[in-house]
Amino acid sequence: MTSIQRFHLPGVLFAALLLAACGRQEGPAERAGKKIDQAVQEAGKSVDAALAAASAAAATAGHKVEAGAKQAGEAVGKAVETTGKAVEKTGEEIRGAAKK
């Protein structure tokens, strides 16, 4: 080692130790970045909650539509049955009138 290298090596090591020992302070950009991260996380939570509520509302609406369709189907079935009976009755009356 040359004499210059002997003096530089301890100086570089000392500087490295000083930098390592210094506490890291956050600057305004880092603080702003943390606030942005927190805002994004909160927004994500809000979106998740809104999606869960929308999903629950859609499921409820689906059940109501299904129940309404079932009731409509039952009503149509009753109407078809009533119409069939009326047609049969009319047919019997026509046969009876034709026999006379």
N, C-alpha and C. Protein backbone atom coordinates (compact mmCIF):
# COMPACT_ATOMS: atom_id res chain seq x y z
N MET A 1 0.83 -1.18 0.00
CA MET A 1 0.00 0.00 0.00
C MET A 1 0.87 1.24 0.00
N THR A 2 0.46 2.19 -0.75
CA THR A 2 1.19 3.44 -0.76
C THR A 2 0.73 4.28 0.41
N SER A 3 1.48 5.29 0.69
CA SER A 3 1.13 6.13 1.84
C SER A 3 -0.19 6.86 1.62
N ILE A 4 -0.52 7.18 0.37
CA ILE A 4 -1.79 7.87 0.10
C ILE A 4 -2.96 6.92 0.35
N GLN A 5 -2.80 5.67 -0.04
CA GLN A 5 -3.87 4.71 0.18
C GLN A 5 -4.07 4.45 1.66
N ARG A 6 -3.01 4.49 2.44
CA ARG A 6 -3.13 4.28 3.88
C ARG A 6 -3.94 5.39 4.53
N PHE A 7 -3.83 6.58 4.02
CA PHE A 7 -4.57 7.70 4.60
C PHE A 7 -6.01 7.74 4.07
N HIS A 8 -6.22 7.31 2.87
CA HIS A 8 -7.57 7.35 2.29
C HIS A 8 -8.47 6.26 2.86
N LEU A 9 -7.93 5.08 3.06
CA LEU A 9 -8.74 3.98 3.55
C LEU A 9 -9.38 4.28 4.90
N PRO A 10 -8.64 4.75 5.90
CA PRO A 10 -9.30 5.09 7.17
C PRO A 10 -10.30 6.24 7.01
N GLY A 11 -10.01 7.17 6.13
CA GLY A 11 -10.94 8.29 5.91
C GLY A 11 -12.25 7.82 5.30
N VAL A 12 -12.14 6.92 4.34
CA VAL A 12 -13.34 6.37 3.69
C VAL A 12 -14.14 5.54 4.69
N LEU A 13 -13.47 4.74 5.49
CA LEU A 13 -14.16 3.94 6.50
C LEU A 13 -14.85 4.83 7.53
N PHE A 14 -14.17 5.89 7.95
CA PHE A 14 -14.75 6.82 8.91
C PHE A 14 -15.99 7.50 8.33
N ALA A 15 -15.91 7.91 7.08
CA ALA A 15 -17.05 8.56 6.43
C ALA A 15 -18.22 7.58 6.32
N ALA A 16 -17.93 6.33 6.01
CA ALA A 16 -18.98 5.32 5.91
C ALA A 16 -19.65 5.10 7.25
N LEU A 17 -18.85 5.05 8.31
CA LEU A 17 -19.42 4.90 9.66
C LEU A 17 -20.28 6.10 10.04
N LEU A 18 -19.85 7.28 9.69
CA LEU A 18 -20.64 8.47 10.00
C LEU A 18 -21.99 8.44 9.28
N LEU A 19 -21.97 8.07 8.02
CA LEU A 19 -23.22 7.99 7.26
C LEU A 19 -24.15 6.93 7.81
N ALA A 20 -23.57 5.80 8.23
CA ALA A 20 -24.39 4.73 8.78
C ALA A 20 -24.98 5.11 10.13
N ALA A 21 -24.25 5.90 10.89
CA ALA A 21 -24.70 6.27 12.22
C ALA A 21 -25.74 7.39 12.19
N CYS A 22 -25.77 8.15 11.13
CA CYS A 22 -26.73 9.25 11.05
C CYS A 22 -28.15 8.72 10.96
N GLY A 23 -29.03 9.32 11.71
CA GLY A 23 -30.44 8.96 11.61
C GLY A 23 -31.00 9.48 10.31
N ARG A 24 -31.89 8.72 9.71
CA ARG A 24 -32.48 9.13 8.44
C ARG A 24 -33.73 9.94 8.73
N GLN A 25 -33.74 11.15 8.27
CA GLN A 25 -34.92 12.01 8.45
C GLN A 25 -35.70 12.05 7.16
N GLU A 26 -37.01 12.02 7.31
CA GLU A 26 -37.87 12.07 6.14
C GLU A 26 -38.00 13.50 5.65
N GLY A 27 -37.97 13.61 4.36
CA GLY A 27 -38.17 14.91 3.75
C GLY A 27 -39.64 15.12 3.43
N PRO A 28 -39.99 16.30 2.93
CA PRO A 28 -41.39 16.57 2.61
C PRO A 28 -41.95 15.65 1.53
N ALA A 29 -41.12 15.25 0.57
CA ALA A 29 -41.60 14.36 -0.49
C ALA A 29 -41.92 12.98 0.08
N GLU A 30 -41.10 12.50 1.01
CA GLU A 30 -41.36 11.20 1.62
C GLU A 30 -42.62 11.23 2.46
N ARG A 31 -42.81 12.32 3.20
CA ARG A 31 -44.04 12.45 4.00
C ARG A 31 -45.26 12.51 3.10
N ALA A 32 -45.16 13.26 2.02
CA ALA A 32 -46.28 13.35 1.07
C ALA A 32 -46.55 11.98 0.45
N GLY A 33 -45.50 11.25 0.14
CA GLY A 33 -45.65 9.91 -0.43
C GLY A 33 -46.37 8.98 0.52
N LYS A 34 -46.03 9.07 1.81
CA LYS A 34 -46.70 8.24 2.81
C LYS A 34 -48.18 8.60 2.91
N LYS A 35 -48.48 9.90 2.86
CA LYS A 35 -49.87 10.33 2.92
C LYS A 35 -50.65 9.84 1.70
N ILE A 36 -50.00 9.87 0.54
CA ILE A 36 -50.64 9.38 -0.67
C ILE A 36 -50.90 7.88 -0.55
N ASP A 37 -49.91 7.14 -0.04
CA ASP A 37 -50.09 5.70 0.15
C ASP A 37 -51.26 5.40 1.07
N GLN A 38 -51.36 6.16 2.17
CA GLN A 38 -52.46 5.96 3.10
C GLN A 38 -53.80 6.27 2.44
N ALA A 39 -53.85 7.34 1.66
CA ALA A 39 -55.09 7.71 0.97
C ALA A 39 -55.51 6.64 -0.02
N VAL A 40 -54.53 6.07 -0.73
CA VAL A 40 -54.83 5.01 -1.69
C VAL A 40 -55.35 3.77 -0.97
N GLN A 41 -54.76 3.45 0.17
CA GLN A 41 -55.23 2.29 0.94
C GLN A 41 -56.66 2.51 1.43
N GLU A 42 -56.95 3.69 1.93
CA GLU A 42 -58.30 4.00 2.40
C GLU A 42 -59.29 3.95 1.24
N ALA A 43 -58.89 4.48 0.09
CA ALA A 43 -59.76 4.44 -1.09
C ALA A 43 -60.03 3.00 -1.50
N GLY A 44 -59.00 2.18 -1.43
CA GLY A 44 -59.16 0.76 -1.75
C GLY A 44 -60.14 0.09 -0.82
N LYS A 45 -60.07 0.41 0.46
CA LYS A 45 -61.01 -0.15 1.43
C LYS A 45 -62.43 0.30 1.12
N SER A 46 -62.58 1.57 0.75
CA SER A 46 -63.90 2.09 0.41
C SER A 46 -64.46 1.40 -0.83
N VAL A 47 -63.60 1.18 -1.81
CA VAL A 47 -64.04 0.50 -3.04
C VAL A 47 -64.45 -0.93 -2.71
N ASP A 48 -63.67 -1.61 -1.88
CA ASP A 48 -64.01 -2.99 -1.49
C ASP A 48 -65.35 -3.03 -0.77
N ALA A 49 -65.59 -2.07 0.13
CA ALA A 49 -66.86 -2.03 0.85
C ALA A 49 -68.01 -1.76 -0.11
N ALA A 50 -67.81 -0.85 -1.04
CA ALA A 50 -68.86 -0.54 -2.02
C ALA A 50 -69.16 -1.75 -2.90
N LEU A 51 -68.12 -2.47 -3.30
CA LEU A 51 -68.34 -3.67 -4.11
C LEU A 51 -69.09 -4.74 -3.33
N ALA A 52 -68.77 -4.89 -2.07
CA ALA A 52 -69.47 -5.87 -1.24
C ALA A 52 -70.94 -5.49 -1.10
N ALA A 53 -71.21 -4.21 -0.89
CA ALA A 53 -72.60 -3.75 -0.76
C ALA A 53 -73.34 -3.93 -2.08
N ALA A 54 -72.69 -3.62 -3.19
CA ALA A 54 -73.33 -3.78 -4.50
C ALA A 54 -73.61 -5.26 -4.78
N SER A 55 -72.69 -6.11 -4.40
CA SER A 55 -72.88 -7.55 -4.60
C SER A 55 -74.07 -8.06 -3.78
N ALA A 56 -74.16 -7.61 -2.55
CA ALA A 56 -75.28 -8.01 -1.69
C ALA A 56 -76.60 -7.49 -2.26
N ALA A 57 -76.60 -6.25 -2.74
CA ALA A 57 -77.81 -5.68 -3.33
C ALA A 57 -78.21 -6.45 -4.59
N ALA A 58 -77.23 -6.82 -5.40
CA ALA A 58 -77.52 -7.59 -6.62
C ALA A 58 -78.10 -8.96 -6.27
N ALA A 59 -77.56 -9.58 -5.24
CA ALA A 59 -78.07 -10.89 -4.82
C ALA A 59 -79.51 -10.76 -4.33
N THR A 60 -79.78 -9.73 -3.55
CA THR A 60 -81.14 -9.50 -3.06
C THR A 60 -82.09 -9.24 -4.22
N ALA A 61 -81.66 -8.42 -5.16
CA ALA A 61 -82.49 -8.13 -6.34
C ALA A 61 -82.74 -9.41 -7.14
N GLY A 62 -81.72 -10.24 -7.26
CA GLY A 62 -81.87 -11.51 -7.98
C GLY A 62 -82.90 -12.40 -7.33
N HIS A 63 -82.88 -12.46 -6.00
CA HIS A 63 -83.87 -13.28 -5.28
C HIS A 63 -85.28 -12.73 -5.48
N LYS A 64 -85.40 -11.40 -5.46
CA LYS A 64 -86.72 -10.79 -5.66
C LYS A 64 -87.22 -11.05 -7.08
N VAL A 65 -86.35 -10.95 -8.06
CA VAL A 65 -86.75 -11.21 -9.45
C VAL A 65 -87.17 -12.67 -9.59
N GLU A 66 -86.41 -13.55 -8.96
CA GLU A 66 -86.74 -14.98 -9.03
C GLU A 66 -88.10 -15.25 -8.40
N ALA A 67 -88.36 -14.65 -7.24
CA ALA A 67 -89.65 -14.83 -6.58
C ALA A 67 -90.78 -14.25 -7.43
N GLY A 68 -90.55 -13.08 -8.03
CA GLY A 68 -91.56 -12.48 -8.91
C GLY A 68 -91.83 -13.34 -10.13
N ALA A 69 -90.79 -13.92 -10.70
CA ALA A 69 -90.95 -14.79 -11.87
C ALA A 69 -91.74 -16.04 -11.49
N LYS A 70 -91.47 -16.55 -10.30
CA LYS A 70 -92.21 -17.74 -9.84
C LYS A 70 -93.69 -17.41 -9.67
N GLN A 71 -93.98 -16.27 -9.06
CA GLN A 71 -95.38 -15.86 -8.88
C GLN A 71 -96.06 -15.63 -10.24
N ALA A 72 -95.33 -15.00 -11.16
CA ALA A 72 -95.90 -14.77 -12.49
C ALA A 72 -96.16 -16.09 -13.19
N GLY A 73 -95.25 -17.03 -13.06
CA GLY A 73 -95.44 -18.36 -13.66
C GLY A 73 -96.65 -19.06 -13.09
N GLU A 74 -96.83 -18.97 -11.77
CA GLU A 74 -97.99 -19.58 -11.12
C GLU A 74 -99.29 -18.93 -11.61
N ALA A 75 -99.27 -17.60 -11.74
CA ALA A 75 -100.46 -16.89 -12.21
C ALA A 75 -100.78 -17.27 -13.65
N VAL A 76 -99.77 -17.39 -14.49
CA VAL A 76 -99.99 -17.80 -15.89
C VAL A 76 -100.54 -19.22 -15.92
N GLY A 77 -100.00 -20.08 -15.08
CA GLY A 77 -100.48 -21.46 -15.02
C GLY A 77 -101.95 -21.51 -14.63
N LYS A 78 -102.35 -20.72 -13.65
CA LYS A 78 -103.76 -20.67 -13.23
C LYS A 78 -104.63 -20.12 -14.36
N ALA A 79 -104.15 -19.09 -15.04
CA ALA A 79 -104.91 -18.51 -16.15
C ALA A 79 -105.09 -19.52 -17.27
N VAL A 80 -104.04 -20.28 -17.58
CA VAL A 80 -104.14 -21.30 -18.62
C VAL A 80 -105.15 -22.37 -18.21
N GLU A 81 -105.10 -22.77 -16.95
CA GLU A 81 -106.03 -23.78 -16.45
C GLU A 81 -107.48 -23.28 -16.53
N THR A 82 -107.70 -22.06 -16.11
CA THR A 82 -109.04 -21.47 -16.15
C THR A 82 -109.53 -21.35 -17.59
N THR A 83 -108.64 -20.93 -18.47
CA THR A 83 -109.01 -20.81 -19.89
C THR A 83 -109.33 -22.18 -20.46
N GLY A 84 -108.55 -23.17 -20.10
CA GLY A 84 -108.81 -24.55 -20.58
C GLY A 84 -110.17 -25.05 -20.13
N LYS A 85 -110.51 -24.79 -18.88
CA LYS A 85 -111.81 -25.22 -18.37
C LYS A 85 -112.94 -24.49 -19.10
N ALA A 86 -112.73 -23.20 -19.36
CA ALA A 86 -113.75 -22.43 -20.08
C ALA A 86 -113.93 -22.97 -21.50
N VAL A 87 -112.84 -23.32 -22.15
CA VAL A 87 -112.91 -23.87 -23.51
C VAL A 87 -113.63 -25.22 -23.48
N GLU A 88 -113.31 -26.05 -22.50
CA GLU A 88 -113.99 -27.35 -22.38
C GLU A 88 -115.49 -27.16 -22.17
N LYS A 89 -115.84 -26.23 -21.29
CA LYS A 89 -117.26 -25.97 -21.01
C LYS A 89 -117.97 -25.50 -22.28
N THR A 90 -117.34 -24.61 -22.99
CA THR A 90 -117.92 -24.10 -24.23
C THR A 90 -118.07 -25.23 -25.24
N GLY A 91 -117.07 -26.09 -25.33
CA GLY A 91 -117.13 -27.24 -26.24
C GLY A 91 -118.28 -28.16 -25.88
N GLU A 92 -118.49 -28.41 -24.59
CA GLU A 92 -119.59 -29.26 -24.14
C GLU A 92 -120.94 -28.62 -24.48
N GLU A 93 -121.00 -27.30 -24.30
CA GLU A 93 -122.25 -26.60 -24.62
C GLU A 93 -122.54 -26.68 -26.13
N ILE A 94 -121.51 -26.57 -26.93
CA ILE A 94 -121.69 -26.65 -28.38
C ILE A 94 -122.15 -28.06 -28.76
N ARG A 95 -121.53 -29.09 -28.15
CA ARG A 95 -121.95 -30.49 -28.42
C ARG A 95 -123.40 -30.71 -28.00
N GLY A 96 -123.74 -30.17 -26.83
CA GLY A 96 -125.12 -30.33 -26.33
C GLY A 96 -126.12 -29.65 -27.26
N ALA A 97 -125.74 -28.46 -27.75
CA ALA A 97 -126.64 -27.72 -28.65
C ALA A 97 -126.74 -28.44 -29.99
N ALA A 98 -125.66 -29.10 -30.41
CA ALA A 98 -125.66 -29.79 -31.69
C ALA A 98 -126.52 -31.04 -31.63
N LYS A 99 -126.63 -31.68 -30.49
CA LYS A 99 -127.41 -32.91 -30.32
C LYS A 99 -128.91 -32.60 -30.35
N LYS A 100 -129.31 -31.43 -30.01
CA LYS A 100 -130.73 -31.09 -29.92
C LYS A 100 -131.34 -30.90 -31.21
